[in-house]
């Protein structure tokens, strides 16, 4: 069978660990040239080297998605390394145990979450979409969350940020469809990343939520498979979609 992403050039942010790293490895195995972008230079460089040692076309570029100059410099370097760009995955993001109800959390935590989850998506997309338009089209995947679609106690900063990502995805899809740029969003529930395992261990709120995933929790590689589909030619008529991968959590009430 032909590699499903043969010849495609892709940037994945927040890719030194977890879902992002699973995406990098999946895309590279399917024939893509991938830039692994992350603010963690040490781990990101190590992971890119590991992938190259396995015979895959993966490079590391340090990017802080919350900083406009870092984004501009990093994107220019990534595009130069790959000699172009076909797709972007806005994976960088996340919440912390400092989140809570809006009357309780520190505003610094709110702005931290907004910057990495929502502003990071905006800055990376602003840098990449003009390049996709110039080449005649391409694809963007934003990473959302099931929590943007339903109320949950104690995560108001994160739900606000990811709700913005979901709404932004739909608007981007409408704005850039005439230029053949597809924009979709993957909205996982809990995923068995290293980070989530820590949350499960340390946070009773997370433990209670896990029990409502009817099919259990997916591994990061399963999220990567959905991203692979959305970036492939098989999804050429898919745009503006918010795709949940939540083990039935959204149906459980």
Protein backbone atom coordinates (compact mmCIF):
# COMPACT_ATOMS: atom_id res chain seq x y z
CA UNK A 1 0.00 0.00 0.00
CA UNK A 2 1.28 3.47 -0.83
CA UNK A 3 2.33 5.75 2.01
CA UNK A 4 -0.67 7.97 2.70
CA UNK A 5 1.35 11.16 3.27
CA UNK A 6 4.10 10.61 0.73
CA UNK A 7 5.78 13.89 -0.16
CA UNK A 8 3.80 16.02 2.29
CA UNK A 9 5.63 18.52 4.51
CA UNK A 10 4.11 19.02 7.96
CA UNK A 11 4.80 21.05 11.10
CA UNK A 12 3.52 19.66 14.42
CA UNK A 13 3.71 21.93 17.46
CA UNK A 14 4.01 20.73 21.04
CA UNK A 15 5.51 17.55 19.60
CA UNK A 16 8.29 16.58 22.00
CA UNK A 17 5.95 14.31 23.95
CA UNK A 18 2.52 12.71 24.05
CA UNK A 19 0.01 13.16 21.24
CA UNK A 20 2.27 15.48 19.26
CA UNK A 21 5.15 13.01 19.28
CA UNK A 22 2.81 10.19 18.27
CA UNK A 23 1.69 12.32 15.32
CA UNK A 24 5.25 13.04 14.22
CA UNK A 25 6.14 9.36 14.23
CA UNK A 26 2.90 8.36 12.49
CA UNK A 27 3.21 10.99 9.75
CA UNK A 28 6.87 10.19 9.11
CA UNK A 29 6.12 6.47 8.87
CA UNK A 30 3.52 7.34 6.21
CA UNK A 31 6.06 9.14 4.03
CA UNK A 32 5.84 12.74 5.23
CA UNK A 33 8.70 15.08 5.98
CA UNK A 34 7.97 16.46 9.44
CA UNK A 35 9.23 19.29 11.59
CA UNK A 36 8.85 18.50 15.27
CA UNK A 37 8.33 21.90 16.90
CA UNK A 38 8.46 22.43 20.64
CA UNK A 39 9.62 24.90 23.27
CA UNK A 40 11.61 22.08 24.94
CA UNK A 41 14.82 22.11 22.92
CA UNK A 42 16.50 19.23 24.74
CA UNK A 43 13.72 16.65 24.50
CA UNK A 44 12.55 17.83 21.09
CA UNK A 45 16.04 17.50 19.61
CA UNK A 46 16.44 14.04 21.12
CA UNK A 47 13.15 12.83 19.68
CA UNK A 48 13.94 14.18 16.22
CA UNK A 49 17.35 12.48 16.29
CA UNK A 50 15.72 9.21 17.32
CA UNK A 51 13.30 9.41 14.40
CA UNK A 52 16.11 10.15 11.93
CA UNK A 53 18.07 7.19 13.29
CA UNK A 54 15.01 5.07 12.45
CA UNK A 55 15.16 6.32 8.87
CA UNK A 56 12.46 8.98 8.98
CA UNK A 57 12.63 12.55 7.67
CA UNK A 58 12.14 14.46 10.92
CA UNK A 59 13.82 17.72 11.98
CA UNK A 60 13.52 19.70 15.19
CA UNK A 61 12.80 23.43 15.38
CA UNK A 62 12.40 25.27 18.67
CA UNK A 63 9.20 27.34 18.70
CA UNK A 64 7.40 29.06 21.56
CA UNK A 65 3.90 29.31 20.10
CA UNK A 66 2.97 32.11 22.51
CA UNK A 67 5.68 34.44 21.15
CA UNK A 68 5.13 36.06 17.75
CA UNK A 69 8.83 36.48 16.97
CA UNK A 70 9.63 32.90 17.95
CA UNK A 71 6.81 31.71 15.67
CA UNK A 72 8.04 33.82 12.74
CA UNK A 73 11.64 32.67 13.13
CA UNK A 74 10.75 29.03 13.73
CA UNK A 75 8.31 28.79 10.84
CA UNK A 76 10.84 30.33 8.46
CA UNK A 77 13.45 27.79 9.56
CA UNK A 78 11.01 24.87 9.28
CA UNK A 79 9.86 25.86 5.80
CA UNK A 80 13.48 26.25 4.71
CA UNK A 81 14.37 22.79 6.03
CA UNK A 82 11.45 21.15 4.24
CA UNK A 83 11.55 23.40 1.18
CA UNK A 84 7.89 24.23 1.60
CA UNK A 85 4.86 23.41 3.73
CA UNK A 86 1.68 21.41 3.11
CA UNK A 87 0.08 21.14 6.54
CA UNK A 88 0.12 22.37 10.13
CA UNK A 89 -0.99 20.64 13.31
CA UNK A 90 -1.61 23.08 16.18
CA UNK A 91 -1.05 20.58 18.96
CA UNK A 92 0.72 22.74 21.57
CA UNK A 93 -1.51 23.39 24.55
CA UNK A 94 -2.81 22.02 27.80
CA UNK A 95 -4.07 22.94 31.24
CA UNK A 96 -2.63 22.61 34.72
CA UNK A 97 -3.70 21.77 38.25
CA UNK A 98 -3.88 25.53 38.91
CA UNK A 99 -7.08 25.76 36.85
CA UNK A 100 -10.40 25.99 38.64
CA UNK A 101 -13.69 27.88 38.80
CA UNK A 102 -13.44 31.38 37.31
CA UNK A 103 -13.94 32.99 40.71
CA UNK A 104 -11.07 30.94 42.15
CA UNK A 105 -8.23 30.65 39.65
CA UNK A 106 -5.48 33.27 39.40
CA UNK A 107 -5.75 35.45 36.32
CA UNK A 108 -2.15 34.54 35.51
CA UNK A 109 -3.32 30.94 35.05
CA UNK A 110 -6.18 32.06 32.82
CA UNK A 111 -3.90 34.08 30.56
CA UNK A 112 -1.27 31.31 30.51
CA UNK A 113 -3.91 28.87 29.26
CA UNK A 114 -5.33 31.30 26.71
CA UNK A 115 -1.87 32.11 25.38
CA UNK A 116 -0.74 28.55 24.80
CA UNK A 117 -4.04 26.99 23.68
CA UNK A 118 -5.74 29.79 21.75
CA UNK A 119 -3.16 32.46 20.95
CA UNK A 120 -0.65 29.79 19.96
CA UNK A 121 -3.14 28.40 17.46
CA UNK A 122 -3.75 31.91 16.10
CA UNK A 123 -0.06 32.83 15.75
CA UNK A 124 0.96 29.57 14.07
CA UNK A 125 -2.01 29.66 11.71
CA UNK A 126 -1.33 33.29 10.76
CA UNK A 127 2.23 32.34 9.87
CA UNK A 128 1.37 29.18 7.89
CA UNK A 129 -1.93 29.82 6.11
CA UNK A 130 -0.54 32.44 3.69
CA UNK A 131 2.08 29.88 2.66
CA UNK A 132 -0.61 27.24 2.10
CA UNK A 133 -2.63 29.69 0.00
CA UNK A 134 0.46 30.49 -2.04
CA UNK A 135 1.04 26.80 -2.82
CA UNK A 136 -2.61 26.30 -3.83
CA UNK A 137 -4.05 24.77 -0.66
CA UNK A 138 -3.27 22.57 2.29
CA UNK A 139 -4.58 21.47 5.66
CA UNK A 140 -4.62 22.68 9.25
CA UNK A 141 -5.58 20.61 12.28
CA UNK A 142 -6.37 22.37 15.55
CA UNK A 143 -6.40 20.39 18.77
CA UNK A 144 -9.54 21.01 20.80
CA UNK A 145 -11.08 19.09 23.65
CA UNK A 146 -14.27 17.34 24.61
CA UNK A 147 -14.37 19.83 27.51
CA UNK A 148 -15.10 22.61 25.02
CA UNK A 149 -18.38 20.85 24.21
CA UNK A 150 -19.70 20.20 27.73
CA UNK A 151 -19.64 21.81 31.16
CA UNK A 152 -17.16 20.50 33.68
CA UNK A 153 -16.32 21.70 37.18
CA UNK A 154 -12.93 23.15 37.98
CA UNK A 155 -11.57 23.72 34.45
CA UNK A 156 -12.94 27.12 33.45
CA UNK A 157 -9.70 28.50 31.98
CA UNK A 158 -9.12 25.43 29.85
CA UNK A 159 -12.71 25.13 28.65
CA UNK A 160 -12.69 28.81 27.65
CA UNK A 161 -9.46 28.40 25.69
CA UNK A 162 -10.54 25.22 23.91
CA UNK A 163 -14.01 26.62 23.25
CA UNK A 164 -12.25 29.41 21.41
CA UNK A 165 -10.26 26.88 19.39
CA UNK A 166 -13.46 25.09 18.34
CA UNK A 167 -15.17 28.31 17.26
CA UNK A 168 -12.02 29.50 15.52
CA UNK A 169 -11.78 26.24 13.58
CA UNK A 170 -15.23 26.71 12.06
CA UNK A 171 -14.51 30.32 11.09
CA UNK A 172 -11.12 29.44 9.61
CA UNK A 173 -12.71 26.68 7.56
CA UNK A 174 -15.20 29.12 6.06
CA UNK A 175 -12.63 31.85 5.46
CA UNK A 176 -10.07 29.68 3.71
CA UNK A 177 -12.13 27.10 1.83
CA UNK A 178 -12.03 29.24 -1.35
CA UNK A 179 -8.23 28.96 -1.21
CA UNK A 180 -8.43 25.15 -0.80
CA UNK A 181 -7.15 25.26 2.78
CA UNK A 182 -9.00 22.73 4.93
CA UNK A 183 -9.26 23.35 8.69
CA UNK A 184 -10.49 20.72 11.13
CA UNK A 185 -10.36 20.11 14.86
CA UNK A 186 -9.73 16.92 16.84
CA UNK A 187 -11.44 17.02 20.24
CA UNK A 188 -10.21 14.20 22.47
CA UNK A 189 -11.49 13.27 25.87
CA UNK A 190 -8.82 12.01 28.21
CA UNK A 191 -5.87 10.35 26.43
CA UNK A 192 -3.26 8.10 28.01
CA UNK A 193 -0.34 10.43 27.46
CA UNK A 194 2.43 10.68 30.04
CA UNK A 195 0.99 14.00 31.18
CA UNK A 196 -2.52 12.58 31.57
CA UNK A 197 -1.22 9.64 33.57
CA UNK A 198 0.14 12.20 36.00
CA UNK A 199 -3.23 13.96 36.20
CA UNK A 200 -4.99 10.62 36.79
CA UNK A 201 -2.60 9.87 39.63
CA UNK A 202 -2.78 13.31 41.29
CA UNK A 203 -6.22 14.82 40.65
CA UNK A 204 -9.45 13.21 41.99
CA UNK A 205 -11.49 15.34 39.52
CA UNK A 206 -9.73 13.62 36.64
CA UNK A 207 -10.16 10.20 38.21
CA UNK A 208 -13.93 10.70 38.41
CA UNK A 209 -14.06 11.81 34.77
CA UNK A 210 -12.09 8.79 33.54
CA UNK A 211 -14.78 6.40 34.76
CA UNK A 212 -17.26 7.98 32.31
CA UNK A 213 -15.23 7.05 29.21
CA UNK A 214 -17.36 4.09 28.14
CA UNK A 215 -14.67 2.44 26.02
CA UNK A 216 -11.75 3.41 28.21
CA UNK A 217 -8.99 5.82 27.23
CA UNK A 218 -7.19 5.87 23.87
CA UNK A 219 -3.44 5.92 23.46
CA UNK A 220 -1.83 8.95 21.74
CA UNK A 221 -1.27 6.81 18.64
CA UNK A 222 -5.03 6.54 18.14
CA UNK A 223 -5.36 10.32 18.02
CA UNK A 224 -2.49 10.39 15.54
CA UNK A 225 -4.40 8.02 13.25
CA UNK A 226 -7.29 10.48 13.06
CA UNK A 227 -4.87 13.29 12.26
CA UNK A 228 -3.33 11.10 9.56
CA UNK A 229 -6.74 10.71 7.95
CA UNK A 230 -7.48 14.45 8.10
CA UNK A 231 -4.17 15.32 6.43
CA UNK A 232 -4.49 12.65 3.75
CA UNK A 233 -6.18 12.95 0.38
CA UNK A 234 -8.97 10.71 1.69
CA UNK A 235 -10.24 13.73 3.67
CA UNK A 236 -10.12 16.18 0.76
CA UNK A 237 -13.79 17.12 1.29
CA UNK A 238 -13.61 17.37 5.09
CA UNK A 239 -13.36 20.87 6.57
CA UNK A 240 -14.87 22.71 9.51
CA UNK A 241 -15.38 19.48 11.45
CA UNK A 242 -14.95 19.02 15.20
CA UNK A 243 -14.19 15.32 15.59
CA UNK A 244 -14.51 13.82 19.05
CA UNK A 245 -12.38 10.87 20.13
CA UNK A 246 -13.68 10.38 23.63
CA UNK A 247 -14.47 6.70 24.22
CA UNK A 248 -18.15 7.61 24.50
CA UNK A 249 -17.62 10.18 27.27
CA UNK A 250 -19.70 12.78 25.43
CA UNK A 251 -22.65 10.38 25.28
CA UNK A 252 -22.45 9.32 28.91
CA UNK A 253 -24.06 12.42 30.44
